């Protein structure tokens, strides 16, 4: 190298550069000819809804903080919070829950709320819109990325027990059609979506009675709005007919799964859910998110919830 003339050095450098460029080009073409690597399939993380400890029963009214402690002790990966169970929504309380979960190595992964947009009363719908926006803000403060929302129902059946006896079916309000109801729900959710996007909280419309009693009803709303900030929360225990066919319809739009179990017999009803089949449906849809337990049986939660965790781990691993 030291004995080379300036001309020879330049020619050598040009040759080396051309060789390097050619090698890089061949390497890039080789990579391009290969199909992209498929990422390894990992197990779905398993969460538990605080509803599982609570279930609107007077004999198991645990606080949210107690539920987080129990979930960590039992070995869950995350906790879904039921809004109606909260007894303190102050900023300080929310940050204490967030800190508690973090120090226990637990994700706060879902927020489950109630609202009803199926009403001809504009003010009633407005009240529910504002409630939903407030809940989006709570989810954001807790660092939760998705929030369950409902369509609401006609409320012509006054008793929830009667509604369950009728498999979630109830008559429409006199003088109104289902098209009216869907329009009210779509318009209401559209008013909530700008805040959902601003906060980074995906709204998951659940198959949960009312106009969301069927997969067709849920998808009619989601497909009409066409927003990445409105997707589906799949509840495995809320279809009485064609369970697996309807779950399969929801799977491509699902961002969160609530998995029902009924140890000891169900509070309102019991479904025999084949979780191997459910897991296969979700795998085929490439669902990688959380599966959150909603225990809805009458067995004591201290024994039923660990059994439910074992069941879900077995099928979603």
C-alpha atoms as a PDB file:
ATOM      1  CA  UNK A   1       0.000   0.000   0.000  1.00  0.00           C
ATOM      2  CA  UNK A   2       2.847   2.365   0.920  1.00  0.00           C
ATOM      3  CA  UNK A   3       4.591   1.675  -2.390  1.00  0.00           C
ATOM      4  CA  UNK A   4       1.521   2.468  -4.533  1.00  0.00           C
ATOM      5  CA  UNK A   5       1.240   5.596  -6.650  1.00  0.00           C
ATOM      6  CA  UNK A   6      -1.661   7.993  -6.122  1.00  0.00           C
ATOM      7  CA  UNK A   7      -3.295   6.743  -9.385  1.00  0.00           C
ATOM      8  CA  UNK A   8      -2.995   3.120  -8.214  1.00  0.00           C
ATOM      9  CA  UNK A   9      -4.526   3.986  -4.814  1.00  0.00           C
ATOM     10  CA  UNK A  10      -7.529   5.644  -6.463  1.00  0.00           C
ATOM     11  CA  UNK A  11      -8.042   2.713  -8.831  1.00  0.00           C
ATOM     12  CA  UNK A  12      -7.812   0.248  -5.924  1.00  0.00           C
ATOM     13  CA  UNK A  13     -10.346   2.212  -3.879  1.00  0.00           C
ATOM     14  CA  UNK A  14     -12.776   2.381  -6.787  1.00  0.00           C
ATOM     15  CA  UNK A  15     -12.489  -1.350  -7.329  1.00  0.00           C
ATOM     16  CA  UNK A  16     -13.037  -2.042  -3.619  1.00  0.00           C
ATOM     17  CA  UNK A  17     -16.075   0.265  -3.593  1.00  0.00           C
ATOM     18  CA  UNK A  18     -17.590  -1.441  -6.621  1.00  0.00           C
ATOM     19  CA  UNK A  19     -16.998  -4.835  -5.043  1.00  0.00           C
ATOM     20  CA  UNK A  20     -18.619  -3.741  -1.784  1.00  0.00           C
ATOM     21  CA  UNK A  21     -21.595  -2.207  -3.589  1.00  0.00           C
ATOM     22  CA  UNK A  22     -22.040  -5.339  -5.694  1.00  0.00           C
ATOM     23  CA  UNK A  23     -21.834  -7.526  -2.590  1.00  0.00           C
ATOM     24  CA  UNK A  24     -24.400  -5.417  -0.785  1.00  0.00           C
ATOM     25  CA  UNK A  25     -26.696  -5.488  -3.816  1.00  0.00           C
ATOM     26  CA  UNK A  26     -26.460  -9.274  -4.088  1.00  0.00           C
ATOM     27  CA  UNK A  27     -27.090  -9.591  -0.349  1.00  0.00           C
ATOM     28  CA  UNK A  28     -30.146  -7.307  -0.523  1.00  0.00           C
ATOM     29  CA  UNK A  29     -31.509  -9.247  -3.495  1.00  0.00           C
ATOM     30  CA  UNK A  30     -30.969 -12.486  -1.592  1.00  0.00           C
ATOM     31  CA  UNK A  31     -32.904 -11.141   1.401  1.00  0.00           C
ATOM     32  CA  UNK A  32     -35.662  -9.834  -0.878  1.00  0.00           C
ATOM     33  CA  UNK A  33     -36.066 -13.257  -2.462  1.00  0.00           C
ATOM     34  CA  UNK A  34     -36.730 -14.828   0.938  1.00  0.00           C
ATOM     35  CA  UNK A  35     -40.179 -14.588   2.578  1.00  0.00           C
ATOM     36  CA  UNK A  36     -40.297 -12.473   5.754  1.00  0.00           C
ATOM     37  CA  UNK A  37     -39.762 -14.413   8.959  1.00  0.00           C
ATOM     38  CA  UNK A  38     -42.947 -15.376  10.794  1.00  0.00           C
ATOM     39  CA  UNK A  39     -42.849 -14.225  14.396  1.00  0.00           C
ATOM     40  CA  UNK A  40     -43.071 -16.962  16.997  1.00  0.00           C
ATOM     41  CA  UNK A  41     -46.490 -17.608  18.477  1.00  0.00           C
ATOM     42  CA  UNK A  42     -46.614 -16.733  22.176  1.00  0.00           C
ATOM     43  CA  UNK A  43     -49.188 -17.546  24.800  1.00  0.00           C
ATOM     44  CA  UNK A  44     -52.011 -15.106  25.431  1.00  0.00           C
ATOM     45  CA  UNK A  45     -51.640 -13.333  28.740  1.00  0.00           C
ATOM     46  CA  UNK A  46     -54.360 -14.155  31.238  1.00  0.00           C
ATOM     47  CA  UNK A  47     -56.034 -11.418  33.267  1.00  0.00           C
ATOM     48  CA  UNK A  48     -58.909 -11.408  35.703  1.00  0.00           C
ATOM     49  CA  UNK A  49     -61.736  -8.920  35.913  1.00  0.00           C
ATOM     50  CA  UNK A  50     -62.365  -7.487  39.367  1.00  0.00           C
ATOM     51  CA  UNK A  51     -65.982  -8.460  38.616  1.00  0.00           C
ATOM     52  CA  UNK A  52     -64.925 -12.079  39.187  1.00  0.00           C
ATOM     53  CA  UNK A  53     -64.374 -11.369  42.881  1.00  0.00           C
ATOM     54  CA  UNK A  54     -67.431  -9.134  43.196  1.00  0.00           C
ATOM     55  CA  UNK A  55     -70.233 -10.354  40.865  1.00  0.00           C
ATOM     56  CA  UNK A  56     -72.742  -7.876  42.368  1.00  0.00           C
ATOM     57  CA  UNK A  57     -73.017 -10.270  45.314  1.00  0.00           C
ATOM     58  CA  UNK A  58     -73.314  -8.928  48.841  1.00  0.00           C
ATOM     59  CA  UNK A  59     -71.061 -11.665  50.228  1.00  0.00           C
ATOM     60  CA  UNK A  60     -67.959 -10.844  48.149  1.00  0.00           C
ATOM     61  CA  UNK A  61     -67.612  -7.090  47.856  1.00  0.00           C
ATOM     62  CA  UNK A  62     -63.834  -6.808  47.539  1.00  0.00           C
ATOM     63  CA  UNK A  63     -62.247  -3.447  46.822  1.00  0.00           C
ATOM     64  CA  UNK A  64     -60.255  -2.899  43.638  1.00  0.00           C
ATOM     65  CA  UNK A  65     -57.033  -2.875  45.676  1.00  0.00           C
ATOM     66  CA  UNK A  66     -57.929  -6.203  47.289  1.00  0.00           C
ATOM     67  CA  UNK A  67     -58.693  -7.677  43.865  1.00  0.00           C
ATOM     68  CA  UNK A  68     -55.271  -6.614  42.554  1.00  0.00           C
ATOM     69  CA  UNK A  69     -53.560  -8.246  45.549  1.00  0.00           C
ATOM     70  CA  UNK A  70     -55.528 -11.480  45.085  1.00  0.00           C
ATOM     71  CA  UNK A  71     -54.871 -11.553  41.338  1.00  0.00           C
ATOM     72  CA  UNK A  72     -51.120 -11.214  41.913  1.00  0.00           C
ATOM     73  CA  UNK A  73     -51.156 -13.896  44.612  1.00  0.00           C
ATOM     74  CA  UNK A  74     -52.999 -16.337  42.312  1.00  0.00           C
ATOM     75  CA  UNK A  75     -50.597 -15.793  39.410  1.00  0.00           C
ATOM     76  CA  UNK A  76     -52.562 -13.739  36.867  1.00  0.00           C
ATOM     77  CA  UNK A  77     -50.704 -11.492  34.409  1.00  0.00           C
ATOM     78  CA  UNK A  78     -53.080  -8.549  34.600  1.00  0.00           C
ATOM     79  CA  UNK A  79     -56.250  -7.061  36.038  1.00  0.00           C
ATOM     80  CA  UNK A  80     -59.317  -5.645  34.324  1.00  0.00           C
ATOM     81  CA  UNK A  81     -61.176  -3.070  36.411  1.00  0.00           C
ATOM     82  CA  UNK A  82     -64.964  -2.898  36.572  1.00  0.00           C
ATOM     83  CA  UNK A  83     -65.856   0.772  36.814  1.00  0.00           C
ATOM     84  CA  UNK A  84     -69.003   0.206  38.874  1.00  0.00           C
ATOM     85  CA  UNK A  85     -66.860  -1.442  41.516  1.00  0.00           C
ATOM     86  CA  UNK A  86     -64.732   1.658  42.089  1.00  0.00           C
ATOM     87  CA  UNK A  87     -65.390   3.589  45.281  1.00  0.00           C
ATOM     88  CA  UNK A  88     -62.827   6.356  44.701  1.00  0.00           C
ATOM     89  CA  UNK A  89     -62.039   8.009  41.351  1.00  0.00           C
ATOM     90  CA  UNK A  90     -59.819  10.815  42.631  1.00  0.00           C
ATOM     91  CA  UNK A  91     -56.479  11.264  40.815  1.00  0.00           C
ATOM     92  CA  UNK A  92     -54.583  10.216  43.943  1.00  0.00           C
ATOM     93  CA  UNK A  93     -56.587   6.976  44.235  1.00  0.00           C
ATOM     94  CA  UNK A  94     -56.046   6.129  40.571  1.00  0.00           C
ATOM     95  CA  UNK A  95     -52.296   6.613  40.888  1.00  0.00           C
ATOM     96  CA  UNK A  96     -52.196   4.440  44.016  1.00  0.00           C
ATOM     97  CA  UNK A  97     -53.849   1.599  42.066  1.00  0.00           C
ATOM     98  CA  UNK A  98     -51.412   2.120  39.215  1.00  0.00           C
ATOM     99  CA  UNK A  99     -48.456   2.020  41.611  1.00  0.00           C
ATOM    100  CA  UNK A 100     -49.811  -1.052  43.400  1.00  0.00           C
ATOM    101  CA  UNK A 101     -50.192  -2.995  40.166  1.00  0.00           C
ATOM    102  CA  UNK A 102     -46.737  -1.993  38.925  1.00  0.00           C
ATOM    103  CA  UNK A 103     -44.952  -3.012  42.119  1.00  0.00           C
ATOM    104  CA  UNK A 104     -46.700  -6.405  41.967  1.00  0.00           C
ATOM    105  CA  UNK A 105     -45.661  -6.897  38.339  1.00  0.00           C
ATOM    106  CA  UNK A 106     -49.275  -6.720  37.157  1.00  0.00           C
ATOM    107  CA  UNK A 107     -50.688  -4.961  34.099  1.00  0.00           C
ATOM    108  CA  UNK A 108     -53.854  -2.922  34.378  1.00  0.00           C
ATOM    109  CA  UNK A 109     -55.056  -4.129  30.993  1.00  0.00           C
ATOM    110  CA  UNK A 110     -58.781  -3.422  30.675  1.00  0.00           C
ATOM    111  CA  UNK A 111     -61.496  -1.080  31.915  1.00  0.00           C
ATOM    112  CA  UNK A 112     -65.115  -2.237  31.810  1.00  0.00           C
ATOM    113  CA  UNK A 113     -67.848   0.403  31.790  1.00  0.00           C
ATOM    114  CA  UNK A 114     -71.613   0.610  31.414  1.00  0.00           C
ATOM    115  CA  UNK A 115     -73.530   3.040  29.209  1.00  0.00           C
ATOM    116  CA  UNK A 116     -76.795   3.043  27.289  1.00  0.00           C
ATOM    117  CA  UNK A 117     -77.358   4.880  24.017  1.00  0.00           C
ATOM    118  CA  UNK A 118     -80.622   3.157  23.029  1.00  0.00           C
ATOM    119  CA  UNK A 119     -82.961   5.992  23.945  1.00  0.00           C
ATOM    120  CA  UNK A 120     -85.030   8.514  21.976  1.00  0.00           C
ATOM    121  CA  UNK A 121     -84.222  11.082  24.699  1.00  0.00           C
ATOM    122  CA  UNK A 122     -81.395  13.292  23.413  1.00  0.00           C
ATOM    123  CA  UNK A 123     -80.461  14.381  26.934  1.00  0.00           C
ATOM    124  CA  UNK A 124     -80.302  10.794  28.132  1.00  0.00           C
ATOM    125  CA  UNK A 125     -77.918   9.916  25.314  1.00  0.00           C
ATOM    126  CA  UNK A 126     -75.861  13.030  26.034  1.00  0.00           C
ATOM    127  CA  UNK A 127     -75.561  12.027  29.691  1.00  0.00           C
ATOM    128  CA  UNK A 128     -74.232   8.618  28.646  1.00  0.00           C
ATOM    129  CA  UNK A 129     -71.827  10.167  26.152  1.00  0.00           C
ATOM    130  CA  UNK A 130     -70.357  12.384  28.889  1.00  0.00           C
ATOM    131  CA  UNK A 131     -70.145   9.401  31.235  1.00  0.00           C
ATOM    132  CA  UNK A 132     -68.257   7.430  28.569  1.00  0.00           C
ATOM    133  CA  UNK A 133     -65.823  10.289  28.012  1.00  0.00           C
ATOM    134  CA  UNK A 134     -65.194  10.513  31.745  1.00  0.00           C
ATOM    135  CA  UNK A 135     -64.430   6.792  31.808  1.00  0.00           C
ATOM    136  CA  UNK A 136     -62.025   7.153  28.865  1.00  0.00           C
ATOM    137  CA  UNK A 137     -60.145   9.719  30.942  1.00  0.00           C
ATOM    138  CA  UNK A 138     -60.021   7.330  33.929  1.00  0.00           C
ATOM    139  CA  UNK A 139     -58.655   4.539  31.722  1.00  0.00           C
ATOM    140  CA  UNK A 140     -56.038   6.944  30.349  1.00  0.00           C
ATOM    141  CA  UNK A 141     -54.945   7.975  33.855  1.00  0.00           C
ATOM    142  CA  UNK A 142     -54.617   4.317  34.818  1.00  0.00           C
ATOM    143  CA  UNK A 143     -52.520   3.584  31.729  1.00  0.00           C
ATOM    144  CA  UNK A 144     -55.128   1.171  30.315  1.00  0.00           C
ATOM    145  CA  UNK A 145     -55.223   0.766  26.535  1.00  0.00           C
ATOM    146  CA  UNK A 146     -58.763  -0.522  25.986  1.00  0.00           C
ATOM    147  CA  UNK A 147     -62.209   0.069  27.471  1.00  0.00           C
ATOM    148  CA  UNK A 148     -65.322  -2.088  27.162  1.00  0.00           C
ATOM    149  CA  UNK A 149     -68.425  -0.206  25.989  1.00  0.00           C
ATOM    150  CA  UNK A 150     -72.036  -1.316  25.495  1.00  0.00           C
ATOM    151  CA  UNK A 151     -74.819  -0.323  23.135  1.00  0.00           C
ATOM    152  CA  UNK A 152     -77.341  -0.208  25.961  1.00  0.00           C
ATOM    153  CA  UNK A 153     -80.807  -1.724  25.619  1.00  0.00           C
ATOM    154  CA  UNK A 154     -84.444  -0.728  25.227  1.00  0.00           C
ATOM    155  CA  UNK A 155     -85.145  -1.158  28.977  1.00  0.00           C
ATOM    156  CA  UNK A 156     -88.662  -2.381  28.290  1.00  0.00           C
ATOM    157  CA  UNK A 157     -87.824  -5.347  30.536  1.00  0.00           C
ATOM    158  CA  UNK A 158     -87.508  -3.874  34.004  1.00  0.00           C
ATOM    159  CA  UNK A 159     -85.894  -6.828  35.784  1.00  0.00           C
ATOM    160  CA  UNK A 160     -82.449  -8.123  34.779  1.00  0.00           C
ATOM    161  CA  UNK A 161     -83.475 -11.564  36.038  1.00  0.00           C
ATOM    162  CA  UNK A 162     -86.415 -11.475  33.617  1.00  0.00           C
ATOM    163  CA  UNK A 163     -84.132 -10.309  30.811  1.00  0.00           C
ATOM    164  CA  UNK A 164     -81.829 -13.289  31.416  1.00  0.00           C
ATOM    165  CA  UNK A 165     -84.814 -15.653  31.532  1.00  0.00           C
ATOM    166  CA  UNK A 166     -85.721 -14.290  28.069  1.00  0.00           C
ATOM    167  CA  UNK A 167     -82.130 -14.840  26.834  1.00  0.00           C
ATOM    168  CA  UNK A 168     -81.494 -11.129  26.537  1.00  0.00           C
ATOM    169  CA  UNK A 169     -84.397 -10.498  24.167  1.00  0.00           C
ATOM    170  CA  UNK A 170     -86.764  -7.633  24.924  1.00  0.00           C
ATOM    171  CA  UNK A 171     -89.382  -5.713  22.912  1.00  0.00           C
ATOM    172  CA  UNK A 172     -88.577  -2.364  21.315  1.00  0.00           C
ATOM    173  CA  UNK A 173     -90.065   0.876  22.563  1.00  0.00           C
ATOM    174  CA  UNK A 174     -93.435   1.610  20.965  1.00  0.00           C
ATOM    175  CA  UNK A 175     -93.093   3.859  17.953  1.00  0.00           C
ATOM    176  CA  UNK A 176     -89.395   3.147  17.334  1.00  0.00           C
ATOM    177  CA  UNK A 177     -87.456   0.677  15.209  1.00  0.00           C
ATOM    178  CA  UNK A 178     -84.134  -1.115  15.537  1.00  0.00           C
ATOM    179  CA  UNK A 179     -82.820   1.224  12.826  1.00  0.00           C
ATOM    180  CA  UNK A 180     -83.542   4.140  15.186  1.00  0.00           C
ATOM    181  CA  UNK A 181     -81.640   2.362  17.957  1.00  0.00           C
ATOM    182  CA  UNK A 182     -78.608   1.636  15.790  1.00  0.00           C
ATOM    183  CA  UNK A 183     -78.523   5.251  14.601  1.00  0.00           C
ATOM    184  CA  UNK A 184     -78.536   6.530  18.207  1.00  0.00           C
ATOM    185  CA  UNK A 185     -75.704   4.162  19.177  1.00  0.00           C
ATOM    186  CA  UNK A 186     -73.569   4.989  16.125  1.00  0.00           C
ATOM    187  CA  UNK A 187     -73.970   8.749  16.559  1.00  0.00           C
ATOM    188  CA  UNK A 188     -73.202   8.516  20.280  1.00  0.00           C
ATOM    189  CA  UNK A 189     -70.056   6.438  19.853  1.00  0.00           C
ATOM    190  CA  UNK A 190     -68.844   8.769  17.108  1.00  0.00           C
ATOM    191  CA  UNK A 191     -68.962  11.609  19.631  1.00  0.00           C
ATOM    192  CA  UNK A 192     -66.742   9.597  22.003  1.00  0.00           C
ATOM    193  CA  UNK A 193     -64.091   8.584  19.480  1.00  0.00           C
ATOM    194  CA  UNK A 194     -62.103  11.854  19.269  1.00  0.00           C
ATOM    195  CA  UNK A 195     -61.368  11.620  22.985  1.00  0.00           C
ATOM    196  CA  UNK A 196     -60.574   7.905  22.711  1.00  0.00           C
ATOM    197  CA  UNK A 197     -58.014   8.695  20.006  1.00  0.00           C
ATOM    198  CA  UNK A 198     -56.573  11.615  21.957  1.00  0.00           C
ATOM    199  CA  UNK A 199     -56.114   9.395  25.034  1.00  0.00           C
ATOM    200  CA  UNK A 200     -54.991   6.304  23.130  1.00  0.00           C
ATOM    201  CA  UNK A 201     -57.801   4.149  24.537  1.00  0.00           C
ATOM    202  CA  UNK A 202     -59.406   1.684  22.107  1.00  0.00           C
ATOM    203  CA  UNK A 203     -63.147   1.306  22.683  1.00  0.00           C
ATOM    204  CA  UNK A 204     -64.170  -2.346  22.526  1.00  0.00           C
ATOM    205  CA  UNK A 205     -67.876  -2.794  21.787  1.00  0.00           C
ATOM    206  CA  UNK A 206     -69.030  -5.906  23.626  1.00  0.00           C
ATOM    207  CA  UNK A 207     -71.632  -8.479  22.628  1.00  0.00           C
ATOM    208  CA  UNK A 208     -73.633  -7.566  25.724  1.00  0.00           C
ATOM    209  CA  UNK A 209     -77.439  -7.565  25.394  1.00  0.00           C
ATOM    210  CA  UNK A 210     -79.388  -4.779  23.746  1.00  0.00           C
ATOM    211  CA  UNK A 211     -78.394  -4.134  20.130  1.00  0.00           C
ATOM    212  CA  UNK A 212     -75.112  -5.920  20.813  1.00  0.00           C
ATOM    213  CA  UNK A 213     -76.820  -9.216  21.663  1.00  0.00           C
ATOM    214  CA  UNK A 214     -75.684 -10.730  18.352  1.00  0.00           C
ATOM    215  CA  UNK A 215     -72.431 -10.621  16.408  1.00  0.00           C
ATOM    216  CA  UNK A 216     -74.344  -9.077  13.506  1.00  0.00           C
ATOM    217  CA  UNK A 217     -75.510  -6.235  15.754  1.00  0.00           C
ATOM    218  CA  UNK A 218     -72.009  -5.520  17.067  1.00  0.00           C
ATOM    219  CA  UNK A 219     -70.449  -5.600  13.604  1.00  0.00           C
ATOM    220  CA  UNK A 220     -73.184  -3.419  12.113  1.00  0.00           C
ATOM    221  CA  UNK A 221     -72.036  -0.633  14.440  1.00  0.00           C
ATOM    222  CA  UNK A 222     -68.275  -1.241  14.143  1.00  0.00           C
ATOM    223  CA  UNK A 223     -68.396  -1.438  10.340  1.00  0.00           C
ATOM    224  CA  UNK A 224     -70.597   1.647  10.046  1.00  0.00           C
ATOM    225  CA  UNK A 225     -68.120   3.752  12.055  1.00  0.00           C
ATOM    226  CA  UNK A 226     -64.923   2.270  10.553  1.00  0.00           C
ATOM    227  CA  UNK A 227     -62.452   3.603  13.120  1.00  0.00           C
ATOM    228  CA  UNK A 228     -59.337   1.904  14.531  1.00  0.00           C
ATOM    229  CA  UNK A 229     -60.451   3.339  17.883  1.00  0.00           C
ATOM    230  CA  UNK A 230     -63.686   1.314  17.906  1.00  0.00           C
ATOM    231  CA  UNK A 231     -63.210  -2.441  17.771  1.00  0.00           C
ATOM    232  CA  UNK A 232     -64.696  -5.441  19.606  1.00  0.00           C
ATOM    233  CA  UNK A 233     -64.561  -6.809  23.140  1.00  0.00           C
ATOM    234  CA  UNK A 234     -65.497 -10.475  22.764  1.00  0.00           C
ATOM    235  CA  UNK A 235     -67.445 -12.032  25.650  1.00  0.00           C
ATOM    236  CA  UNK A 236     -67.469 -15.814  25.371  1.00  0.00           C
ATOM    237  CA  UNK A 237     -70.548 -16.157  27.584  1.00  0.00           C
ATOM    238  CA  UNK A 238     -73.029 -13.753  26.006  1.00  0.00           C
ATOM    239  CA  UNK A 239     -74.256 -15.766  23.025  1.00  0.00           C
ATOM    240  CA  UNK A 240     -77.093 -18.222  23.569  1.00  0.00           C
ATOM    241  CA  UNK A 241     -77.309 -19.391  19.943  1.00  0.00           C
ATOM    242  CA  UNK A 242     -74.563 -20.411  17.490  1.00  0.00           C
ATOM    243  CA  UNK A 243     -71.901 -19.565  20.051  1.00  0.00           C
ATOM    244  CA  UNK A 244     -68.804 -20.523  18.086  1.00  0.00           C
ATOM    245  CA  UNK A 245     -70.062 -19.251  14.749  1.00  0.00           C
ATOM    246  CA  UNK A 246     -70.731 -15.844  16.282  1.00  0.00           C
ATOM    247  CA  UNK A 247     -67.374 -15.757  18.093  1.00  0.00           C
ATOM    248  CA  UNK A 248     -65.725 -16.519  14.764  1.00  0.00           C
ATOM    249  CA  UNK A 249     -67.506 -13.547  13.200  1.00  0.00           C
ATOM    250  CA  UNK A 250     -66.184 -11.210  15.910  1.00  0.00           C
ATOM    251  CA  UNK A 251     -62.635 -12.580  16.057  1.00  0.00           C
ATOM    252  CA  UNK A 252     -61.050 -10.466  13.255  1.00  0.00           C
ATOM    253  CA  UNK A 253     -62.084  -7.222  15.003  1.00  0.00           C
ATOM    254  CA  UNK A 254     -61.420  -8.368  18.565  1.00  0.00           C
ATOM    255  CA  UNK A 255     -58.973  -6.398  20.719  1.00  0.00           C
ATOM    256  CA  UNK A 256     -59.914  -7.884  24.098  1.00  0.00           C
ATOM    257  CA  UNK A 257     -61.491 -11.140  25.274  1.00  0.00           C
ATOM    258  CA  UNK A 258     -63.621 -11.708  28.370  1.00  0.00           C
ATOM    259  CA  UNK A 259     -63.783 -15.435  29.144  1.00  0.00           C
ATOM    260  CA  UNK A 260     -66.680 -16.659  31.288  1.00  0.00           C
ATOM    261  CA  UNK A 261     -66.546 -19.611  33.681  1.00  0.00           C
ATOM    262  CA  UNK A 262     -69.367 -20.954  35.859  1.00  0.00           C
ATOM    263  CA  UNK A 263     -67.930 -23.147  38.599  1.00  0.00           C
ATOM    264  CA  UNK A 264     -70.668 -24.131  41.014  1.00  0.00           C
ATOM    265  CA  UNK A 265     -73.328 -23.263  38.423  1.00  0.00           C
ATOM    266  CA  UNK A 266     -74.041 -19.878  36.885  1.00  0.00           C
ATOM    267  CA  UNK A 267     -75.689 -16.984  38.696  1.00  0.00           C
ATOM    268  CA  UNK A 268     -78.223 -16.521  35.868  1.00  0.00           C
ATOM    269  CA  UNK A 269     -77.355 -19.332  33.453  1.00  0.00           C
ATOM    270  CA  UNK A 270     -74.571 -21.806  32.713  1.00  0.00           C
ATOM    271  CA  UNK A 271     -72.903 -22.345  29.345  1.00  0.00           C
ATOM    272  CA  UNK A 272     -70.704 -25.311  28.506  1.00  0.00           C
ATOM    273  CA  UNK A 273     -67.929 -23.461  26.679  1.00  0.00           C
ATOM    274  CA  UNK A 274     -65.342 -25.468  24.753  1.00  0.00           C
ATOM    275  CA  UNK A 275     -62.256 -23.332  25.353  1.00  0.00           C
ATOM    276  CA  UNK A 276     -60.072 -25.476  23.105  1.00  0.00           C
ATOM    277  CA  UNK A 277     -62.396 -24.475  20.256  1.00  0.00           C
ATOM    278  CA  UNK A 278     -62.481 -20.823  21.334  1.00  0.00           C
ATOM    279  CA  UNK A 279     -58.680 -20.723  21.508  1.00  0.00           C
ATOM    280  CA  UNK A 280     -58.444 -22.170  17.986  1.00  0.00           C
ATOM    281  CA  UNK A 281     -60.834 -19.509  16.647  1.00  0.00           C
ATOM    282  CA  UNK A 282     -58.695 -16.769  18.167  1.00  0.00           C
ATOM    283  CA  UNK A 283     -55.418 -18.292  16.968  1.00  0.00           C
ATOM    284  CA  UNK A 284     -56.734 -18.452  13.411  1.00  0.00           C
ATOM    285  CA  UNK A 285     -57.599 -14.754  13.684  1.00  0.00           C
ATOM    286  CA  UNK A 286     -54.045 -14.090  14.971  1.00  0.00           C
ATOM    287  CA  UNK A 287     -55.404 -12.702  18.242  1.00  0.00           C
ATOM    288  CA  UNK A 288     -52.456 -11.930  20.550  1.00  0.00           C
ATOM    289  CA  UNK A 289     -54.141  -9.868  23.260  1.00  0.00           C
ATOM    290  CA  UNK A 290     -55.379 -10.532  26.756  1.00  0.00           C
ATOM    291  CA  UNK A 291     -57.891 -13.180  27.788  1.00  0.00           C
ATOM    292  CA  UNK A 292     -59.628 -11.824  30.889  1.00  0.00           C
ATOM    293  CA  UNK A 293     -61.505 -14.108  33.241  1.00  0.00           C
ATOM    294  CA  UNK A 294     -65.065 -13.216  34.187  1.00  0.00           C
ATOM    295  CA  UNK A 295     -66.048 -15.812  36.767  1.00  0.00           C
ATOM    296  CA  UNK A 296     -69.838 -15.798  37.004  1.00  0.00           C
ATOM    297  CA  UNK A 297     -70.574 -18.892  39.068  1.00  0.00           C
ATOM    298  CA  UNK A 298     -71.810 -19.323  42.613  1.00  0.00           C
ATOM    299  CA  UNK A 299     -68.815 -21.287  43.958  1.00  0.00           C
ATOM    300  CA  UNK A 300     -66.617 -19.301  46.345  1.00  0.00           C
ATOM    301  CA  UNK A 301     -64.227 -17.125  44.360  1.00  0.00           C
ATOM    302  CA  UNK A 302     -61.229 -18.284  46.410  1.00  0.00           C
ATOM    303  CA  UNK A 303     -61.456 -21.768  44.866  1.00  0.00           C
ATOM    304  CA  UNK A 304     -63.251 -21.070  41.576  1.00  0.00           C
ATOM    305  CA  UNK A 305     -60.911 -18.349  40.295  1.00  0.00           C
ATOM    306  CA  UNK A 306     -57.716 -20.462  40.586  1.00  0.00           C
ATOM    307  CA  UNK A 307     -59.533 -23.317  38.789  1.00  0.00           C
ATOM    308  CA  UNK A 308     -60.541 -20.862  36.064  1.00  0.00           C
ATOM    309  CA  UNK A 309     -56.964 -19.618  35.696  1.00  0.00           C
ATOM    310  CA  UNK A 310     -55.706 -23.171  35.247  1.00  0.00           C
ATOM    311  CA  UNK A 311     -58.402 -23.823  32.626  1.00  0.00           C
ATOM    312  CA  UNK A 312     -57.515 -20.725  30.605  1.00  0.00           C
ATOM    313  CA  UNK A 313     -53.756 -21.255  30.855  1.00  0.00           C
ATOM    314  CA  UNK A 314     -54.206 -24.805  29.554  1.00  0.00           C
ATOM    315  CA  UNK A 315     -56.022 -23.690  26.429  1.00  0.00           C
ATOM    316  CA  UNK A 316     -54.375 -20.338  25.645  1.00  0.00           C
ATOM    317  CA  UNK A 317     -50.751 -21.405  26.178  1.00  0.00           C
END
